[in-house]
Amino acid sequence: KNPRLYVKIIDACQSGFAYIKSLNYKNK
């Protein structure tokens, strides 16, 4: 689409406890 401006806002990261963002597959 070749926009003049491309903005990405990502709210996600690494740890797996409740409300601390990451992935927890079988304690991984």
PDB file of all heavy atoms in Angstrom:
ATOM      1  N   LYS A   1       0.815  -1.220   0.000  1.00  0.00           N
ATOM      2  CA  LYS A   1       0.000   0.000   0.000  1.00  0.00           C
ATOM      3  C   LYS A   1       0.847   1.267   0.000  1.00  0.00           C
ATOM      4  O   LYS A   1       0.350   2.350  -0.277  1.00  0.00           O
ATOM      5  CB  LYS A   1      -0.939  -0.008   1.217  1.00  0.00           C
ATOM      6  CG  LYS A   1      -1.930  -1.168   1.209  1.00  0.00           C
ATOM      7  CD  LYS A   1      -2.762  -1.156  -0.062  1.00  0.00           C
ATOM      8  CE  LYS A   1      -3.637  -2.372  -0.183  1.00  0.00           C
ATOM      9  NZ  LYS A   1      -4.395  -2.392  -1.454  1.00  0.00           N
ATOM     10  N   ASN A   2       2.128   1.122   0.349  1.00  0.00           N
ATOM     11  CA  ASN A   2       3.086   2.223   0.275  1.00  0.00           C
ATOM     12  C   ASN A   2       2.581   3.520   0.926  1.00  0.00           C
ATOM     13  O   ASN A   2       2.494   4.566   0.285  1.00  0.00           O
ATOM     14  CB  ASN A   2       3.458   2.493  -1.187  1.00  0.00           C
ATOM     15  CG  ASN A   2       4.658   3.428  -1.299  1.00  0.00           C
ATOM     16  OD1 ASN A   2       5.483   3.489  -0.395  1.00  0.00           O
ATOM     17  ND2 ASN A   2       4.741   4.153  -2.392  1.00  0.00           N
ATOM     18  N   PRO A   3       2.240   3.480   2.222  1.00  0.00           N
ATOM     19  CA  PRO A   3       1.780   4.711   2.881  1.00  0.00           C
ATOM     20  C   PRO A   3       2.945   5.677   3.098  1.00  0.00           C
ATOM     21  O   PRO A   3       4.105   5.280   3.117  1.00  0.00           O
ATOM     22  CB  PRO A   3       1.257   4.198   4.223  1.00  0.00           C
ATOM     23  CG  PRO A   3       2.104   2.991   4.502  1.00  0.00           C
ATOM     24  CD  PRO A   3       2.333   2.346   3.166  1.00  0.00           C
ATOM     25  N   ARG A   4       2.619   6.922   3.293  1.00  0.00           N
ATOM     26  CA  ARG A   4       3.658   7.906   3.625  1.00  0.00           C
ATOM     27  C   ARG A   4       4.232   7.657   5.009  1.00  0.00           C
ATOM     28  O   ARG A   4       5.398   7.951   5.264  1.00  0.00           O
ATOM     29  CB  ARG A   4       3.075   9.324   3.548  1.00  0.00           C
ATOM     30  CG  ARG A   4       2.787   9.800   2.137  1.00  0.00           C
ATOM     31  CD  ARG A   4       2.507  11.287   2.128  1.00  0.00           C
ATOM     32  NE  ARG A   4       2.325  11.791   0.771  1.00  0.00           N
ATOM     33  CZ  ARG A   4       2.125  13.073   0.472  1.00  0.00           C
ATOM     34  NH1 ARG A   4       2.060  13.971   1.468  1.00  0.00           N
ATOM     35  NH2 ARG A   4       1.969  13.451  -0.768  1.00  0.00           N
ATOM     36  N   LEU A   5       3.409   7.109   5.921  1.00  0.00           N
ATOM     37  CA  LEU A   5       3.855   6.823   7.279  1.00  0.00           C
ATOM     38  C   LEU A   5       3.267   5.493   7.720  1.00  0.00           C
ATOM     39  O   LEU A   5       2.077   5.234   7.542  1.00  0.00           O
ATOM     40  CB  LEU A   5       3.417   7.927   8.241  1.00  0.00           C
ATOM     41  CG  LEU A   5       3.743   7.715   9.730  1.00  0.00           C
ATOM     42  CD1 LEU A   5       5.253   7.675   9.951  1.00  0.00           C
ATOM     43  CD2 LEU A   5       3.110   8.804  10.583  1.00  0.00           C
ATOM     44  N   TYR A   6       4.124   4.644   8.297  1.00  0.00           N
ATOM     45  CA  TYR A   6       3.705   3.339   8.820  1.00  0.00           C
ATOM     46  C   TYR A   6       4.016   3.313  10.315  1.00  0.00           C
ATOM     47  O   TYR A   6       5.164   3.445  10.728  1.00  0.00           O
ATOM     48  CB  TYR A   6       4.470   2.241   8.079  1.00  0.00           C
ATOM     49  CG  TYR A   6       4.220   0.830   8.540  1.00  0.00           C
ATOM     50  CD1 TYR A   6       3.059   0.439   9.207  1.00  0.00           C
ATOM     51  CD2 TYR A   6       5.171  -0.167   8.271  1.00  0.00           C
ATOM     52  CE1 TYR A   6       2.851  -0.861   9.596  1.00  0.00           C
ATOM     53  CE2 TYR A   6       4.973  -1.488   8.651  1.00  0.00           C
ATOM     54  CZ  TYR A   6       3.814  -1.833   9.316  1.00  0.00           C
ATOM     55  OH  TYR A   6       3.609  -3.130   9.702  1.00  0.00           O
ATOM     56  N   VAL A   7       2.962   3.146  11.130  1.00  0.00           N
ATOM     57  CA  VAL A   7       3.107   3.166  12.585  1.00  0.00           C
ATOM     58  C   VAL A   7       2.675   1.811  13.131  1.00  0.00           C
ATOM     59  O   VAL A   7       1.620   1.278  12.767  1.00  0.00           O
ATOM     60  CB  VAL A   7       2.253   4.280  13.223  1.00  0.00           C
ATOM     61  CG1 VAL A   7       2.381   4.248  14.739  1.00  0.00           C
ATOM     62  CG2 VAL A   7       2.656   5.639  12.670  1.00  0.00           C
ATOM     63  N   LYS A   8       3.512   1.256  14.034  1.00  0.00           N
ATOM     64  CA  LYS A   8       3.205  -0.015  14.671  1.00  0.00           C
ATOM     65  C   LYS A   8       3.372   0.161  16.180  1.00  0.00           C
ATOM     66  O   LYS A   8       4.439   0.528  16.643  1.00  0.00           O
ATOM     67  CB  LYS A   8       4.160  -1.090  14.151  1.00  0.00           C
ATOM     68  CG  LYS A   8       3.529  -2.401  13.905  1.00  0.00           C
ATOM     69  CD  LYS A   8       4.378  -3.460  13.208  1.00  0.00           C
ATOM     70  CE  LYS A   8       5.778  -3.168  12.853  1.00  0.00           C
ATOM     71  NZ  LYS A   8       6.399  -4.296  12.117  1.00  0.00           N
ATOM     72  N   ILE A   9       2.325  -0.122  16.932  1.00  0.00           N
ATOM     73  CA  ILE A   9       2.363  -0.058  18.392  1.00  0.00           C
ATOM     74  C   ILE A   9       2.102  -1.462  18.920  1.00  0.00           C
ATOM     75  O   ILE A   9       1.015  -2.014  18.745  1.00  0.00           O
ATOM     76  CB  ILE A   9       1.302   0.916  18.956  1.00  0.00           C
ATOM     77  CG1 ILE A   9       1.336   2.258  18.216  1.00  0.00           C
ATOM     78  CG2 ILE A   9       1.501   1.102  20.454  1.00  0.00           C
ATOM     79  CD1 ILE A   9       2.633   3.024  18.339  1.00  0.00           C
ATOM     80  N   ILE A  10       3.116  -2.079  19.562  1.00  0.00           N
ATOM     81  CA  ILE A  10       3.014  -3.465  20.010  1.00  0.00           C
ATOM     82  C   ILE A  10       3.152  -3.524  21.530  1.00  0.00           C
ATOM     83  O   ILE A  10       4.179  -3.142  22.073  1.00  0.00           O
ATOM     84  CB  ILE A  10       4.106  -4.348  19.369  1.00  0.00           C
ATOM     85  CG1 ILE A  10       4.112  -4.176  17.842  1.00  0.00           C
ATOM     86  CG2 ILE A  10       3.907  -5.804  19.772  1.00  0.00           C
ATOM     87  CD1 ILE A  10       2.820  -4.584  17.160  1.00  0.00           C
ATOM     88  N   ASP A  11       2.110  -3.993  22.193  1.00  0.00           N
ATOM     89  CA  ASP A  11       2.145  -4.168  23.644  1.00  0.00           C
ATOM     90  C   ASP A  11       2.118  -5.670  23.933  1.00  0.00           C
ATOM     91  O   ASP A  11       1.067  -6.277  24.125  1.00  0.00           O
ATOM     92  CB  ASP A  11       0.954  -3.463  24.295  1.00  0.00           C
ATOM     93  CG  ASP A  11       1.174  -3.235  25.786  1.00  0.00           C
ATOM     94  OD1 ASP A  11       2.006  -3.949  26.363  1.00  0.00           O
ATOM     95  OD2 ASP A  11       0.518  -2.345  26.351  1.00  0.00           O
ATOM     96  N   ALA A  12       3.313  -6.285  23.921  1.00  0.00           N
ATOM     97  CA  ALA A  12       3.441  -7.726  24.160  1.00  0.00           C
ATOM     98  C   ALA A  12       4.893  -8.035  24.481  1.00  0.00           C
ATOM     99  O   ALA A  12       5.785  -7.427  23.939  1.00  0.00           O
ATOM    100  CB  ALA A  12       2.999  -8.517  22.926  1.00  0.00           C
ATOM    101  N   CYS A  13       5.140  -8.939  25.382  1.00  0.00           N
ATOM    102  CA  CYS A  13       6.526  -9.347  25.632  1.00  0.00           C
ATOM    103  C   CYS A  13       6.601 -10.681  26.315  1.00  0.00           C
ATOM    104  O   CYS A  13       5.801 -11.556  26.033  1.00  0.00           O
ATOM    105  CB  CYS A  13       7.290  -8.246  26.348  1.00  0.00           C
ATOM    106  SG  CYS A  13       6.641  -7.819  27.940  1.00  0.00           S
ATOM    107  N   GLN A  14       7.507 -10.899  27.283  1.00  0.00           N
ATOM    108  CA  GLN A  14       7.989 -12.256  27.464  1.00  0.00           C
ATOM    109  C   GLN A  14       7.517 -13.081  28.648  1.00  0.00           C
ATOM    110  O   GLN A  14       7.487 -14.287  28.545  1.00  0.00           O
ATOM    111  CB  GLN A  14       9.507 -12.246  27.483  1.00  0.00           C
ATOM    112  CG  GLN A  14      10.071 -11.676  28.750  1.00  0.00           C
ATOM    113  CD  GLN A  14      11.576 -11.641  28.695  1.00  0.00           C
ATOM    114  OE1 GLN A  14      12.145 -11.566  27.640  1.00  0.00           O
ATOM    115  NE2 GLN A  14      12.197 -11.681  29.817  1.00  0.00           N
ATOM    116  N   SER A  15       7.200 -12.576  29.785  1.00  0.00           N
ATOM    117  CA  SER A  15       6.988 -13.490  30.914  1.00  0.00           C
ATOM    118  C   SER A  15       5.568 -14.023  30.949  1.00  0.00           C
ATOM    119  O   SER A  15       4.649 -13.442  30.419  1.00  0.00           O
ATOM    120  CB  SER A  15       7.347 -12.808  32.226  1.00  0.00           C
ATOM    121  OG  SER A  15       6.658 -11.598  32.339  1.00  0.00           O
ATOM    122  N   GLY A  16       5.381 -15.182  31.622  1.00  0.00           N
ATOM    123  CA  GLY A  16       4.147 -15.933  31.466  1.00  0.00           C
ATOM    124  C   GLY A  16       3.171 -15.904  32.612  1.00  0.00           C
ATOM    125  O   GLY A  16       2.235 -16.675  32.619  1.00  0.00           O
ATOM    126  N   PHE A  17       3.334 -15.058  33.609  1.00  0.00           N
ATOM    127  CA  PHE A  17       2.375 -15.000  34.719  1.00  0.00           C
ATOM    128  C   PHE A  17       1.192 -14.120  34.350  1.00  0.00           C
ATOM    129  O   PHE A  17       1.237 -13.350  33.414  1.00  0.00           O
ATOM    130  CB  PHE A  17       3.048 -14.480  35.987  1.00  0.00           C
ATOM    131  CG  PHE A  17       3.867 -15.537  36.641  1.00  0.00           C
ATOM    132  CD1 PHE A  17       5.157 -15.778  36.224  1.00  0.00           C
ATOM    133  CD2 PHE A  17       3.341 -16.312  37.652  1.00  0.00           C
ATOM    134  CE1 PHE A  17       5.914 -16.775  36.799  1.00  0.00           C
ATOM    135  CE2 PHE A  17       4.083 -17.309  38.239  1.00  0.00           C
ATOM    136  CZ  PHE A  17       5.371 -17.541  37.803  1.00  0.00           C
ATOM    137  N   ALA A  18       0.135 -14.243  35.147  1.00  0.00           N
ATOM    138  CA  ALA A  18      -1.091 -13.514  34.835  1.00  0.00           C
ATOM    139  C   ALA A  18      -0.808 -12.031  34.722  1.00  0.00           C
ATOM    140  O   ALA A  18      -0.212 -11.424  35.612  1.00  0.00           O
ATOM    141  CB  ALA A  18      -2.133 -13.762  35.920  1.00  0.00           C
ATOM    142  N   TYR A  19      -1.291 -11.488  33.632  1.00  0.00           N
ATOM    143  CA  TYR A  19      -1.186 -10.056  33.349  1.00  0.00           C
ATOM    144  C   TYR A  19       0.232  -9.592  33.106  1.00  0.00           C
ATOM    145  O   TYR A  19       0.513  -8.412  33.122  1.00  0.00           O
ATOM    146  CB  TYR A  19      -1.817  -9.201  34.449  1.00  0.00           C
ATOM    147  CG  TYR A  19      -3.122  -9.762  34.916  1.00  0.00           C
ATOM    148  CD1 TYR A  19      -3.419  -9.867  36.261  1.00  0.00           C
ATOM    149  CD2 TYR A  19      -4.051 -10.221  33.996  1.00  0.00           C
ATOM    150  CE1 TYR A  19      -4.626 -10.411  36.684  1.00  0.00           C
ATOM    151  CE2 TYR A  19      -5.253 -10.765  34.416  1.00  0.00           C
ATOM    152  CZ  TYR A  19      -5.533 -10.851  35.745  1.00  0.00           C
ATOM    153  OH  TYR A  19      -6.704 -11.390  36.156  1.00  0.00           O
ATOM    154  N   ILE A  20       1.189 -10.511  32.913  1.00  0.00           N
ATOM    155  CA  ILE A  20       2.535 -10.158  32.470  1.00  0.00           C
ATOM    156  C   ILE A  20       2.703 -10.845  31.130  1.00  0.00           C
ATOM    157  O   ILE A  20       2.719 -12.056  31.049  1.00  0.00           O
ATOM    158  CB  ILE A  20       3.621 -10.624  33.440  1.00  0.00           C
ATOM    159  CG1 ILE A  20       3.353 -10.030  34.815  1.00  0.00           C
ATOM    160  CG2 ILE A  20       4.988 -10.219  32.962  1.00  0.00           C
ATOM    161  CD1 ILE A  20       4.356 -10.443  35.851  1.00  0.00           C
ATOM    162  N   LYS A  21       2.867 -10.103  30.078  1.00  0.00           N
ATOM    163  CA  LYS A  21       2.572 -10.623  28.762  1.00  0.00           C
ATOM    164  C   LYS A  21       3.658 -11.468  28.158  1.00  0.00           C
ATOM    165  O   LYS A  21       4.752 -11.014  27.935  1.00  0.00           O
ATOM    166  CB  LYS A  21       2.253  -9.464  27.823  1.00  0.00           C
ATOM    167  CG  LYS A  21       1.003  -8.757  28.225  1.00  0.00           C
ATOM    168  CD  LYS A  21       0.669  -7.726  27.221  1.00  0.00           C
ATOM    169  CE  LYS A  21      -0.619  -7.032  27.594  1.00  0.00           C
ATOM    170  NZ  LYS A  21      -0.928  -5.994  26.667  1.00  0.00           N
ATOM    171  N   SER A  22       3.307 -12.674  27.879  1.00  0.00           N
ATOM    172  CA  SER A  22       4.104 -13.582  27.071  1.00  0.00           C
ATOM    173  C   SER A  22       3.273 -14.820  26.859  1.00  0.00           C
ATOM    174  O   SER A  22       2.079 -14.823  27.116  1.00  0.00           O
ATOM    175  CB  SER A  22       5.426 -13.905  27.742  1.00  0.00           C
ATOM    176  OG  SER A  22       6.159 -14.745  26.909  1.00  0.00           O
ATOM    177  N   LEU A  23       3.937 -15.881  26.441  1.00  0.00           N
ATOM    178  CA  LEU A  23       3.223 -17.092  26.121  1.00  0.00           C
ATOM    179  C   LEU A  23       3.528 -18.137  27.176  1.00  0.00           C
ATOM    180  O   LEU A  23       4.669 -18.302  27.549  1.00  0.00           O
ATOM    181  CB  LEU A  23       3.679 -17.571  24.746  1.00  0.00           C
ATOM    182  CG  LEU A  23       2.805 -18.596  24.045  1.00  0.00           C
ATOM    183  CD1 LEU A  23       1.400 -18.079  23.884  1.00  0.00           C
ATOM    184  CD2 LEU A  23       3.405 -18.911  22.693  1.00  0.00           C
ATOM    185  N   ASN A  24       2.511 -18.863  27.636  1.00  0.00           N
ATOM    186  CA  ASN A  24       2.739 -19.908  28.639  1.00  0.00           C
ATOM    187  C   ASN A  24       2.090 -21.195  28.162  1.00  0.00           C
ATOM    188  O   ASN A  24       0.936 -21.448  28.421  1.00  0.00           O
ATOM    189  CB  ASN A  24       2.140 -19.481  29.979  1.00  0.00           C
ATOM    190  CG  ASN A  24       2.575 -20.408  31.088  1.00  0.00           C
ATOM    191  OD1 ASN A  24       3.005 -21.522  30.848  1.00  0.00           O
ATOM    192  ND2 ASN A  24       2.449 -19.937  32.315  1.00  0.00           N
ATOM    193  N   TYR A  25       2.859 -21.965  27.393  1.00  0.00           N
ATOM    194  CA  TYR A  25       2.397 -23.266  26.954  1.00  0.00           C
ATOM    195  C   TYR A  25       3.033 -24.319  27.856  1.00  0.00           C
ATOM    196  O   TYR A  25       4.231 -24.550  27.792  1.00  0.00           O
ATOM    197  CB  TYR A  25       2.805 -23.539  25.510  1.00  0.00           C
ATOM    198  CG  TYR A  25       2.036 -22.734  24.499  1.00  0.00           C
ATOM    199  CD1 TYR A  25       2.510 -21.502  24.061  1.00  0.00           C
ATOM    200  CD2 TYR A  25       0.835 -23.204  23.991  1.00  0.00           C
ATOM    201  CE1 TYR A  25       1.810 -20.769  23.121  1.00  0.00           C
ATOM    202  CE2 TYR A  25       0.137 -22.469  23.051  1.00  0.00           C
ATOM    203  CZ  TYR A  25       0.620 -21.260  22.622  1.00  0.00           C
ATOM    204  OH  TYR A  25      -0.057 -20.538  21.694  1.00  0.00           O
ATOM    205  N   LYS A  26       2.208 -24.933  28.701  1.00  0.00           N
ATOM    206  CA  LYS A  26       2.721 -25.968  29.598  1.00  0.00           C
ATOM    207  C   LYS A  26       3.951 -25.470  30.348  1.00  0.00           C
ATOM    208  O   LYS A  26       5.010 -26.067  30.349  1.00  0.00           O
ATOM    209  CB  LYS A  26       3.051 -27.229  28.802  1.00  0.00           C
ATOM    210  CG  LYS A  26       1.818 -27.839  28.136  1.00  0.00           C
ATOM    211  CD  LYS A  26       2.174 -29.083  27.357  1.00  0.00           C
ATOM    212  CE  LYS A  26       0.932 -29.670  26.686  1.00  0.00           C
ATOM    213  NZ  LYS A  26       1.246 -30.866  25.900  1.00  0.00           N
ATOM    214  N   ASN A  27       3.821 -24.296  30.950  1.00  0.00           N
ATOM    215  CA  ASN A  27       4.884 -23.689  31.766  1.00  0.00           C
ATOM    216  C   ASN A  27       6.081 -23.219  30.949  1.00  0.00           C
ATOM    217  O   ASN A  27       7.152 -22.975  31.488  1.00  0.00           O
ATOM    218  CB  ASN A  27       5.369 -24.659  32.851  1.00  0.00           C
ATOM    219  CG  ASN A  27       4.263 -24.961  33.832  1.00  0.00           C
ATOM    220  OD1 ASN A  27       3.487 -24.082  34.163  1.00  0.00           O
ATOM    221  ND2 ASN A  27       4.189 -26.199  34.272  1.00  0.00           N
ATOM    222  N   LYS A  28       5.925 -23.082  29.640  1.00  0.00           N
ATOM    223  CA  LYS A  28       7.021 -22.567  28.823  1.00  0.00           C
ATOM    224  C   LYS A  28       6.839 -21.063  28.639  1.00  0.00           C
ATOM    225  O   LYS A  28       5.838 -20.605  28.120  1.00  0.00           O
ATOM    226  CB  LYS A  28       7.052 -23.254  27.454  1.00  0.00           C
ATOM    227  CG  LYS A  28       7.514 -24.702  27.532  1.00  0.00           C
ATOM    228  CD  LYS A  28       7.727 -25.260  26.148  1.00  0.00           C
ATOM    229  CE  LYS A  28       8.295 -26.669  26.226  1.00  0.00           C
ATOM    230  NZ  LYS A  28       8.559 -27.225  24.888  1.00  0.00           N
TER     231      LYS A  28
END
